[in-house]
Amino acid sequence: FRDHGIKDAFFLLLLTITTAAIPVFSSSVVCIFNGACFGP
């Protein structure tokens, strides 16, 4: 599960940026998923 590379990190980062930039969305779930996928 944690053996994912730069490509996955890039898309998760992109997902974090867009959810933080759009007022109606929250980036909290994505941020929690980032910690689960790539560690603290």
PDB file of all heavy atoms in Angstrom:
ATOM      1  N   PHE A   1       0.825  -1.213   0.000  1.00  0.00           N
ATOM      2  CA  PHE A   1       0.000   0.000   0.000  1.00  0.00           C
ATOM      3  C   PHE A   1       0.857   1.261   0.000  1.00  0.00           C
ATOM      4  O   PHE A   1       0.507   2.259  -0.626  1.00  0.00           O
ATOM      5  CB  PHE A   1      -0.920  -0.015   1.220  1.00  0.00           C
ATOM      6  CG  PHE A   1      -1.941   1.081   1.216  1.00  0.00           C
ATOM      7  CD1 PHE A   1      -3.113   0.976   0.484  1.00  0.00           C
ATOM      8  CD2 PHE A   1      -1.727   2.231   1.958  1.00  0.00           C
ATOM      9  CE1 PHE A   1      -4.050   1.985   0.481  1.00  0.00           C
ATOM     10  CE2 PHE A   1      -2.666   3.256   1.970  1.00  0.00           C
ATOM     11  CZ  PHE A   1      -3.833   3.130   1.227  1.00  0.00           C
ATOM     12  N   ARG A   2       1.962   1.186   0.701  1.00  0.00           N
ATOM     13  CA  ARG A   2       2.833   2.369   0.777  1.00  0.00           C
ATOM     14  C   ARG A   2       3.961   2.337  -0.249  1.00  0.00           C
ATOM     15  O   ARG A   2       4.825   3.191  -0.233  1.00  0.00           O
ATOM     16  CB  ARG A   2       3.417   2.493   2.188  1.00  0.00           C
ATOM     17  CG  ARG A   2       2.406   3.041   3.178  1.00  0.00           C
ATOM     18  CD  ARG A   2       3.025   3.460   4.468  1.00  0.00           C
ATOM     19  NE  ARG A   2       2.084   4.240   5.263  1.00  0.00           N
ATOM     20  CZ  ARG A   2       2.309   4.611   6.525  1.00  0.00           C
ATOM     21  NH1 ARG A   2       3.448   4.270   7.122  1.00  0.00           N
ATOM     22  NH2 ARG A   2       1.408   5.327   7.173  1.00  0.00           N
ATOM     23  N   ASP A   3       3.930   1.346  -1.114  1.00  0.00           N
ATOM     24  CA  ASP A   3       4.962   1.248  -2.151  1.00  0.00           C
ATOM     25  C   ASP A   3       4.502   1.971  -3.417  1.00  0.00           C
ATOM     26  O   ASP A   3       4.465   1.398  -4.500  1.00  0.00           O
ATOM     27  CB  ASP A   3       5.271  -0.220  -2.447  1.00  0.00           C
ATOM     28  CG  ASP A   3       6.509  -0.362  -3.319  1.00  0.00           C
ATOM     29  OD1 ASP A   3       7.357   0.550  -3.291  1.00  0.00           O
ATOM     30  OD2 ASP A   3       6.617  -1.382  -4.030  1.00  0.00           O
ATOM     31  N   HIS A   4       4.125   3.232  -3.269  1.00  0.00           N
ATOM     32  CA  HIS A   4       3.699   4.049  -4.405  1.00  0.00           C
ATOM     33  C   HIS A   4       4.722   5.151  -4.630  1.00  0.00           C
ATOM     34  O   HIS A   4       5.334   5.658  -3.694  1.00  0.00           O
ATOM     35  CB  HIS A   4       2.317   4.646  -4.157  1.00  0.00           C
ATOM     36  CG  HIS A   4       1.211   3.636  -4.210  1.00  0.00           C
ATOM     37  ND1 HIS A   4       0.489   3.374  -5.345  1.00  0.00           N
ATOM     38  CD2 HIS A   4       0.713   2.803  -3.253  1.00  0.00           C
ATOM     39  CE1 HIS A   4      -0.408   2.445  -5.098  1.00  0.00           C
ATOM     40  NE2 HIS A   4      -0.290   2.075  -3.835  1.00  0.00           N
ATOM     41  N   GLY A   5       4.866   5.536  -5.886  1.00  0.00           N
ATOM     42  CA  GLY A   5       5.934   6.454  -6.244  1.00  0.00           C
ATOM     43  C   GLY A   5       5.501   7.899  -6.423  1.00  0.00           C
ATOM     44  O   GLY A   5       4.477   8.344  -5.911  1.00  0.00           O
ATOM     45  N   ILE A   6       6.328   8.594  -7.213  1.00  0.00           N
ATOM     46  CA  ILE A   6       6.146  10.027  -7.419  1.00  0.00           C
ATOM     47  C   ILE A   6       4.837  10.323  -8.141  1.00  0.00           C
ATOM     48  O   ILE A   6       4.180  11.332  -7.856  1.00  0.00           O
ATOM     49  CB  ILE A   6       7.341  10.596  -8.215  1.00  0.00           C
ATOM     50  CG1 ILE A   6       8.633  10.419  -7.405  1.00  0.00           C
ATOM     51  CG2 ILE A   6       7.128  12.067  -8.547  1.00  0.00           C
ATOM     52  CD1 ILE A   6       9.872  10.869  -8.129  1.00  0.00           C
ATOM     53  N   LYS A   7       4.444   9.451  -9.064  1.00  0.00           N
ATOM     54  CA  LYS A   7       3.220   9.700  -9.831  1.00  0.00           C
ATOM     55  C   LYS A   7       2.006   9.757  -8.914  1.00  0.00           C
ATOM     56  O   LYS A   7       1.164  10.658  -9.047  1.00  0.00           O
ATOM     57  CB  LYS A   7       3.036   8.607 -10.885  1.00  0.00           C
ATOM     58  CG  LYS A   7       1.842   8.820 -11.795  1.00  0.00           C
ATOM     59  CD  LYS A   7       1.819   7.805 -12.922  1.00  0.00           C
ATOM     60  CE  LYS A   7       1.639   6.392 -12.406  1.00  0.00           C
ATOM     61  NZ  LYS A   7       1.486   5.404 -13.502  1.00  0.00           N
ATOM     62  N   ASP A   8       1.916   8.822  -7.996  1.00  0.00           N
ATOM     63  CA  ASP A   8       0.791   8.814  -7.055  1.00  0.00           C
ATOM     64  C   ASP A   8       0.850  10.027  -6.131  1.00  0.00           C
ATOM     65  O   ASP A   8      -0.187  10.639  -5.831  1.00  0.00           O
ATOM     66  CB  ASP A   8       0.805   7.537  -6.219  1.00  0.00           C
ATOM     67  CG  ASP A   8       0.661   6.297  -7.082  1.00  0.00           C
ATOM     68  OD1 ASP A   8      -0.474   5.935  -7.396  1.00  0.00           O
ATOM     69  OD2 ASP A   8       1.690   5.715  -7.450  1.00  0.00           O
ATOM     70  N   ALA A   9       2.054  10.368  -5.676  1.00  0.00           N
ATOM     71  CA  ALA A   9       2.216  11.533  -4.805  1.00  0.00           C
ATOM     72  C   ALA A   9       1.799  12.812  -5.536  1.00  0.00           C
ATOM     73  O   ALA A   9       1.176  13.702  -4.944  1.00  0.00           O
ATOM     74  CB  ALA A   9       3.665  11.639  -4.337  1.00  0.00           C
ATOM     75  N   PHE A  10       2.133  12.892  -6.828  1.00  0.00           N
ATOM     76  CA  PHE A  10       1.776  14.079  -7.614  1.00  0.00           C
ATOM     77  C   PHE A  10       0.263  14.246  -7.710  1.00  0.00           C
ATOM     78  O   PHE A  10      -0.267  15.344  -7.508  1.00  0.00           O
ATOM     79  CB  PHE A  10       2.380  13.984  -9.016  1.00  0.00           C
ATOM     80  CG  PHE A  10       1.861  15.027  -9.964  1.00  0.00           C
ATOM     81  CD1 PHE A  10       2.322  16.342  -9.894  1.00  0.00           C
ATOM     82  CD2 PHE A  10       0.896  14.706 -10.912  1.00  0.00           C
ATOM     83  CE1 PHE A  10       1.832  17.316 -10.754  1.00  0.00           C
ATOM     84  CE2 PHE A  10       0.409  15.670 -11.780  1.00  0.00           C
ATOM     85  CZ  PHE A  10       0.877  16.979 -11.708  1.00  0.00           C
ATOM     86  N   PHE A  11      -0.453  13.158  -8.000  1.00  0.00           N
ATOM     87  CA  PHE A  11      -1.899  13.263  -8.148  1.00  0.00           C
ATOM     88  C   PHE A  11      -2.578  13.523  -6.803  1.00  0.00           C
ATOM     89  O   PHE A  11      -3.585  14.241  -6.735  1.00  0.00           O
ATOM     90  CB  PHE A  11      -2.469  12.011  -8.804  1.00  0.00           C
ATOM     91  CG  PHE A  11      -2.346  12.017 -10.299  1.00  0.00           C
ATOM     92  CD1 PHE A  11      -1.321  11.321 -10.932  1.00  0.00           C
ATOM     93  CD2 PHE A  11      -3.234  12.728 -11.085  1.00  0.00           C
ATOM     94  CE1 PHE A  11      -1.199  11.331 -12.307  1.00  0.00           C
ATOM     95  CE2 PHE A  11      -3.119  12.746 -12.458  1.00  0.00           C
ATOM     96  CZ  PHE A  11      -2.098  12.051 -13.078  1.00  0.00           C
ATOM     97  N   LEU A  12      -2.051  12.965  -5.742  1.00  0.00           N
ATOM     98  CA  LEU A  12      -2.598  13.263  -4.420  1.00  0.00           C
ATOM     99  C   LEU A  12      -2.331  14.720  -4.045  1.00  0.00           C
ATOM    100  O   LEU A  12      -3.179  15.381  -3.428  1.00  0.00           O
ATOM    101  CB  LEU A  12      -2.000  12.325  -3.378  1.00  0.00           C
ATOM    102  CG  LEU A  12      -2.631  10.939  -3.270  1.00  0.00           C
ATOM    103  CD1 LEU A  12      -1.821  10.041  -2.350  1.00  0.00           C
ATOM    104  CD2 LEU A  12      -4.070  11.041  -2.776  1.00  0.00           C
ATOM    105  N   LEU A  13      -1.159  15.214  -4.417  1.00  0.00           N
ATOM    106  CA  LEU A  13      -0.839  16.625  -4.177  1.00  0.00           C
ATOM    107  C   LEU A  13      -1.771  17.524  -4.974  1.00  0.00           C
ATOM    108  O   LEU A  13      -2.270  18.541  -4.468  1.00  0.00           O
ATOM    109  CB  LEU A  13       0.619  16.901  -4.549  1.00  0.00           C
ATOM    110  CG  LEU A  13       1.116  18.350  -4.363  1.00  0.00           C
ATOM    111  CD1 LEU A  13       1.042  18.743  -2.894  1.00  0.00           C
ATOM    112  CD2 LEU A  13       2.545  18.487  -4.869  1.00  0.00           C
ATOM    113  N   LEU A  14      -2.026  17.152  -6.225  1.00  0.00           N
ATOM    114  CA  LEU A  14      -2.945  17.903  -7.076  1.00  0.00           C
ATOM    115  C   LEU A  14      -4.354  17.886  -6.482  1.00  0.00           C
ATOM    116  O   LEU A  14      -5.074  18.906  -6.509  1.00  0.00           O
ATOM    117  CB  LEU A  14      -2.955  17.309  -8.479  1.00  0.00           C
ATOM    118  CG  LEU A  14      -3.700  18.088  -9.569  1.00  0.00           C
ATOM    119  CD1 LEU A  14      -3.087  19.464  -9.766  1.00  0.00           C
ATOM    120  CD2 LEU A  14      -3.687  17.308 -10.882  1.00  0.00           C
ATOM    121  N   LEU A  15      -4.743  16.746  -5.944  1.00  0.00           N
ATOM    122  CA  LEU A  15      -6.053  16.620  -5.311  1.00  0.00           C
ATOM    123  C   LEU A  15      -6.128  17.513  -4.066  1.00  0.00           C
ATOM    124  O   LEU A  15      -7.169  18.138  -3.798  1.00  0.00           O
ATOM    125  CB  LEU A  15      -6.284  15.162  -4.928  1.00  0.00           C
ATOM    126  CG  LEU A  15      -7.722  14.688  -4.696  1.00  0.00           C
ATOM    127  CD1 LEU A  15      -8.583  14.920  -5.928  1.00  0.00           C
ATOM    128  CD2 LEU A  15      -7.736  13.221  -4.315  1.00  0.00           C
ATOM    129  N   THR A  16      -5.041  17.593  -3.331  1.00  0.00           N
ATOM    130  CA  THR A  16      -5.001  18.447  -2.143  1.00  0.00           C
ATOM    131  C   THR A  16      -5.114  19.917  -2.520  1.00  0.00           C
ATOM    132  O   THR A  16      -5.835  20.684  -1.875  1.00  0.00           O
ATOM    133  CB  THR A  16      -3.695  18.213  -1.363  1.00  0.00           C
ATOM    134  OG1 THR A  16      -3.501  16.816  -1.127  1.00  0.00           O
ATOM    135  CG2 THR A  16      -3.722  18.938  -0.024  1.00  0.00           C
ATOM    136  N   ILE A  17      -4.406  20.308  -3.574  1.00  0.00           N
ATOM    137  CA  ILE A  17      -4.435  21.710  -4.025  1.00  0.00           C
ATOM    138  C   ILE A  17      -5.834  22.119  -4.459  1.00  0.00           C
ATOM    139  O   ILE A  17      -6.346  23.177  -4.065  1.00  0.00           O
ATOM    140  CB  ILE A  17      -3.432  21.933  -5.172  1.00  0.00           C
ATOM    141  CG1 ILE A  17      -1.996  21.740  -4.669  1.00  0.00           C
ATOM    142  CG2 ILE A  17      -3.587  23.337  -5.764  1.00  0.00           C
ATOM    143  CD1 ILE A  17      -0.962  21.748  -5.788  1.00  0.00           C
ATOM    144  N   THR A  18      -6.474  21.281  -5.283  1.00  0.00           N
ATOM    145  CA  THR A  18      -7.783  21.639  -5.821  1.00  0.00           C
ATOM    146  C   THR A  18      -8.862  21.661  -4.729  1.00  0.00           C
ATOM    147  O   THR A  18      -9.722  22.542  -4.727  1.00  0.00           O
ATOM    148  CB  THR A  18      -8.207  20.657  -6.931  1.00  0.00           C
ATOM    149  OG1 THR A  18      -8.065  19.308  -6.467  1.00  0.00           O
ATOM    150  CG2 THR A  18      -7.349  20.844  -8.167  1.00  0.00           C
ATOM    151  N   THR A  19      -8.823  20.717  -3.788  1.00  0.00           N
ATOM    152  CA  THR A  19      -9.816  20.727  -2.716  1.00  0.00           C
ATOM    153  C   THR A  19      -9.611  21.911  -1.777  1.00  0.00           C
ATOM    154  O   THR A  19     -10.569  22.412  -1.183  1.00  0.00           O
ATOM    155  CB  THR A  19      -9.776  19.424  -1.905  1.00  0.00           C
ATOM    156  OG1 THR A  19      -8.426  19.144  -1.496  1.00  0.00           O
ATOM    157  CG2 THR A  19     -10.296  18.256  -2.721  1.00  0.00           C
ATOM    158  N   ALA A  20      -8.356  22.360  -1.639  1.00  0.00           N
ATOM    159  CA  ALA A  20      -8.088  23.531  -0.799  1.00  0.00           C
ATOM    160  C   ALA A  20      -8.475  24.828  -1.512  1.00  0.00           C
ATOM    161  O   ALA A  20      -8.819  25.821  -0.860  1.00  0.00           O
ATOM    162  CB  ALA A  20      -6.606  23.577  -0.411  1.00  0.00           C
ATOM    163  N   ALA A  21      -8.429  24.817  -2.844  1.00  0.00           N
ATOM    164  CA  ALA A  21      -8.701  26.036  -3.611  1.00  0.00           C
ATOM    165  C   ALA A  21     -10.181  26.270  -3.864  1.00  0.00           C
ATOM    166  O   ALA A  21     -10.606  27.415  -4.047  1.00  0.00           O
ATOM    167  CB  ALA A  21      -7.961  25.987  -4.954  1.00  0.00           C
ATOM    168  N   ILE A  22     -10.993  25.201  -3.877  1.00  0.00           N
ATOM    169  CA  ILE A  22     -12.429  25.338  -4.135  1.00  0.00           C
ATOM    170  C   ILE A  22     -13.153  25.497  -2.802  1.00  0.00           C
ATOM    171  O   ILE A  22     -13.063  24.624  -1.935  1.00  0.00           O
ATOM    172  CB  ILE A  22     -12.982  24.109  -4.880  1.00  0.00           C
ATOM    173  CG1 ILE A  22     -12.220  23.891  -6.189  1.00  0.00           C
ATOM    174  CG2 ILE A  22     -14.473  24.288  -5.172  1.00  0.00           C
ATOM    175  CD1 ILE A  22     -12.641  22.655  -6.948  1.00  0.00           C
ATOM    176  N   PRO A  23     -13.877  26.602  -2.602  1.00  0.00           N
ATOM    177  CA  PRO A  23     -14.509  26.877  -1.304  1.00  0.00           C
ATOM    178  C   PRO A  23     -15.464  25.798  -0.824  1.00  0.00           C
ATOM    179  O   PRO A  23     -15.574  25.555   0.371  1.00  0.00           O
ATOM    180  CB  PRO A  23     -15.260  28.198  -1.548  1.00  0.00           C
ATOM    181  CG  PRO A  23     -14.522  28.849  -2.668  1.00  0.00           C
ATOM    182  CD  PRO A  23     -14.036  27.727  -3.539  1.00  0.00           C
ATOM    183  N   VAL A  24     -16.188  25.138  -1.719  1.00  0.00           N
ATOM    184  CA  VAL A  24     -17.213  24.177  -1.293  1.00  0.00           C
ATOM    185  C   VAL A  24     -16.631  22.821  -0.906  1.00  0.00           C
ATOM    186  O   VAL A  24     -17.357  21.958  -0.406  1.00  0.00           O
ATOM    187  CB  VAL A  24     -18.273  23.984  -2.398  1.00  0.00           C
ATOM    188  CG1 VAL A  24     -19.029  25.265  -2.644  1.00  0.00           C
ATOM    189  CG2 VAL A  24     -17.633  23.492  -3.692  1.00  0.00           C
ATOM    190  N   PHE A  25     -15.339  22.609  -1.131  1.00  0.00           N
ATOM    191  CA  PHE A  25     -14.712  21.331  -0.800  1.00  0.00           C
ATOM    192  C   PHE A  25     -13.807  21.479   0.416  1.00  0.00           C
ATOM    193  O   PHE A  25     -13.362  22.570   0.756  1.00  0.00           O
ATOM    194  CB  PHE A  25     -13.893  20.799  -1.974  1.00  0.00           C
ATOM    195  CG  PHE A  25     -14.728  20.294  -3.112  1.00  0.00           C
ATOM    196  CD1 PHE A  25     -14.981  21.095  -4.218  1.00  0.00           C
ATOM    197  CD2 PHE A  25     -15.264  19.022  -3.094  1.00  0.00           C
ATOM    198  CE1 PHE A  25     -15.750  20.643  -5.274  1.00  0.00           C
ATOM    199  CE2 PHE A  25     -16.038  18.552  -4.136  1.00  0.00           C
ATOM    200  CZ  PHE A  25     -16.285  19.369  -5.231  1.00  0.00           C
ATOM    201  N   SER A  26     -13.552  20.352   1.066  1.00  0.00           N
ATOM    202  CA  SER A  26     -12.623  20.320   2.191  1.00  0.00           C
ATOM    203  C   SER A  26     -11.465  19.388   1.850  1.00  0.00           C
ATOM    204  O   SER A  26     -11.674  18.293   1.325  1.00  0.00           O
ATOM    205  CB  SER A  26     -13.341  19.827   3.452  1.00  0.00           C
ATOM    206  OG  SER A  26     -12.417  19.650   4.508  1.00  0.00           O
ATOM    207  N   SER A  27     -10.271  19.822   2.181  1.00  0.00           N
ATOM    208  CA  SER A  27      -9.083  19.023   1.878  1.00  0.00           C
ATOM    209  C   SER A  27      -8.718  18.079   3.020  1.00  0.00           C
ATOM    210  O   SER A  27      -7.737  17.338   2.922  1.00  0.00           O
ATOM    211  CB  SER A  27      -7.893  19.948   1.583  1.00  0.00           C
ATOM    212  OG  SER A  27      -7.622  20.780   2.707  1.00  0.00           O
ATOM    213  N   SER A  28      -9.502  18.079   4.095  1.00  0.00           N
ATOM    214  CA  SER A  28      -9.142  17.300   5.280  1.00  0.00           C
ATOM    215  C   SER A  28      -9.058  15.804   4.996  1.00  0.00           C
ATOM    216  O   SER A  28      -8.118  15.134   5.438  1.00  0.00           O
ATOM    217  CB  SER A  28     -10.149  17.570   6.408  1.00  0.00           C
ATOM    218  OG  SER A  28     -11.466  17.263   5.987  1.00  0.00           O
ATOM    219  N   VAL A  29     -10.044  15.262   4.253  1.00  0.00           N
ATOM    220  CA  VAL A  29     -10.043  13.824   3.958  1.00  0.00           C
ATOM    221  C   VAL A  29      -8.820  13.449   3.122  1.00  0.00           C
ATOM    222  O   VAL A  29      -8.167  12.426   3.373  1.00  0.00           O
ATOM    223  CB  VAL A  29     -11.341  13.420   3.234  1.00  0.00           C
ATOM    224  CG1 VAL A  29     -11.290  11.951   2.828  1.00  0.00           C
ATOM    225  CG2 VAL A  29     -12.549  13.679   4.115  1.00  0.00           C
ATOM    226  N   VAL A  30      -8.500  14.273   2.132  1.00  0.00           N
ATOM    227  CA  VAL A  30      -7.336  14.015   1.279  1.00  0.00           C
ATOM    228  C   VAL A  30      -6.058  14.081   2.103  1.00  0.00           C
ATOM    229  O   VAL A  30      -5.140  13.268   1.933  1.00  0.00           O
ATOM    230  CB  VAL A  30      -7.275  15.024   0.115  1.00  0.00           C
ATOM    231  CG1 VAL A  30      -6.089  14.717  -0.796  1.00  0.00           C
ATOM    232  CG2 VAL A  30      -8.566  15.010  -0.674  1.00  0.00           C
ATOM    233  N   CYS A  31      -5.981  15.058   3.015  1.00  0.00           N
ATOM    234  CA  CYS A  31      -4.790  15.207   3.856  1.00  0.00           C
ATOM    235  C   CYS A  31      -4.599  13.995   4.761  1.00  0.00           C
ATOM    236  O   CYS A  31      -3.465  13.544   4.983  1.00  0.00           O
ATOM    237  CB  CYS A  31      -4.898  16.480   4.693  1.00  0.00           C
ATOM    238  SG  CYS A  31      -4.751  18.008   3.746  1.00  0.00           S
ATOM    239  N   ILE A  32      -5.699  13.477   5.293  1.00  0.00           N
ATOM    240  CA  ILE A  32      -5.616  12.275   6.119  1.00  0.00           C
ATOM    241  C   ILE A  32      -5.143  11.085   5.273  1.00  0.00           C
ATOM    242  O   ILE A  32      -4.319  10.275   5.712  1.00  0.00           O
ATOM    243  CB  ILE A  32      -6.987  11.974   6.763  1.00  0.00           C
ATOM    244  CG1 ILE A  32      -7.321  13.050   7.796  1.00  0.00           C
ATOM    245  CG2 ILE A  32      -6.987  10.591   7.419  1.00  0.00           C
ATOM    246  CD1 ILE A  32      -8.731  12.939   8.356  1.00  0.00           C
ATOM    247  N   PHE A  33      -5.659  10.991   4.048  1.00  0.00           N
ATOM    248  CA  PHE A  33      -5.262   9.924   3.136  1.00  0.00           C
ATOM    249  C   PHE A  33      -3.780  10.032   2.783  1.00  0.00           C
ATOM    250  O   PHE A  33      -3.088   9.016   2.637  1.00  0.00           O
ATOM    251  CB  PHE A  33      -6.118   9.981   1.877  1.00  0.00           C
ATOM    252  CG  PHE A  33      -6.023   8.751   1.014  1.00  0.00           C
ATOM    253  CD1 PHE A  33      -6.545   7.542   1.446  1.00  0.00           C
ATOM    254  CD2 PHE A  33      -5.408   8.802  -0.227  1.00  0.00           C
ATOM    255  CE1 PHE A  33      -6.459   6.401   0.664  1.00  0.00           C
ATOM    256  CE2 PHE A  33      -5.319   7.674  -1.019  1.00  0.00           C
ATOM    257  CZ  PHE A  33      -5.844   6.472  -0.578  1.00  0.00           C
ATOM    258  N   ASN A  34      -3.271  11.259   2.653  1.00  0.00           N
ATOM    259  CA  ASN A  34      -1.844  11.462   2.380  1.00  0.00           C
ATOM    260  C   ASN A  34      -0.994  10.864   3.492  1.00  0.00           C
ATOM    261  O   ASN A  34       0.032  10.218   3.241  1.00  0.00           O
ATOM    262  CB  ASN A  34      -1.532  12.955   2.238  1.00  0.00           C
ATOM    263  CG  ASN A  34      -2.102  13.553   0.975  1.00  0.00           C
ATOM    264  OD1 ASN A  34      -2.417  12.849   0.020  1.00  0.00           O
ATOM    265  ND2 ASN A  34      -2.251  14.873   0.951  1.00  0.00           N
ATOM    266  N   GLY A  35      -1.426  11.093   4.737  1.00  0.00           N
ATOM    267  CA  GLY A  35      -0.692  10.532   5.869  1.00  0.00           C
ATOM    268  C   GLY A  35      -0.752   9.026   5.900  1.00  0.00           C
ATOM    269  O   GLY A  35       0.224   8.356   6.256  1.00  0.00           O
ATOM    270  N   ALA A  36      -1.910   8.471   5.504  1.00  0.00           N
ATOM    271  CA  ALA A  36      -2.055   7.017   5.481  1.00  0.00           C
ATOM    272  C   ALA A  36      -1.200   6.384   4.393  1.00  0.00           C
ATOM    273  O   ALA A  36      -0.632   5.307   4.580  1.00  0.00           O
ATOM    274  CB  ALA A  36      -3.527   6.646   5.286  1.00  0.00           C
ATOM    275  N   CYS A  37      -1.103   7.053   3.239  1.00  0.00           N
ATOM    276  CA  CYS A  37      -0.381   6.485   2.092  1.00  0.00           C
ATOM    277  C   CYS A  37       1.133   6.652   2.178  1.00  0.00           C
ATOM    278  O   CYS A  37       1.885   5.763   1.777  1.00  0.00           O
ATOM    279  CB  CYS A  37      -0.875   7.134   0.797  1.00  0.00           C
ATOM    280  SG  CYS A  37      -2.580   6.739   0.383  1.00  0.00           S
ATOM    281  N   PHE A  38       1.578   7.790   2.677  1.00  0.00           N
ATOM    282  CA  PHE A  38       3.014   8.087   2.636  1.00  0.00           C
ATOM    283  C   PHE A  38       3.647   8.313   4.000  1.00  0.00           C
ATOM    284  O   PHE A  38       4.804   8.697   4.090  1.00  0.00           O
ATOM    285  CB  PHE A  38       3.249   9.317   1.753  1.00  0.00           C
ATOM    286  CG  PHE A  38       2.988   9.069   0.300  1.00  0.00           C
ATOM    287  CD1 PHE A  38       1.745   9.344  -0.259  1.00  0.00           C
ATOM    288  CD2 PHE A  38       3.967   8.542  -0.524  1.00  0.00           C
ATOM    289  CE1 PHE A  38       1.485   9.103  -1.601  1.00  0.00           C
ATOM    290  CE2 PHE A  38       3.728   8.301  -1.863  1.00  0.00           C
ATOM    291  CZ  PHE A  38       2.489   8.576  -2.400  1.00  0.00           C
ATOM    292  N   GLY A  39       2.901   8.080   5.066  1.00  0.00           N
ATOM    293  CA  GLY A  39       3.468   8.234   6.398  1.00  0.00           C
ATOM    294  C   GLY A  39       3.392   9.667   6.892  1.00  0.00           C
ATOM    295  O   GLY A  39       3.057  10.585   6.143  1.00  0.00           O
ATOM    296  N   PRO A  40       3.712   9.888   8.161  1.00  0.00           N
ATOM    297  CA  PRO A  40       3.545  11.217   8.763  1.00  0.00           C
ATOM    298  C   PRO A  40       4.470  12.296   8.204  1.00  0.00           C
ATOM    299  O   PRO A  40       4.054  13.446   8.080  1.00  0.00           O
ATOM    300  CB  PRO A  40       3.835  10.967  10.251  1.00  0.00           C
ATOM    301  CG  PRO A  40       4.672   9.735  10.277  1.00  0.00           C
ATOM    302  CD  PRO A  40       4.213   8.905   9.130  1.00  0.00           C
TER     303      PRO A  40
END
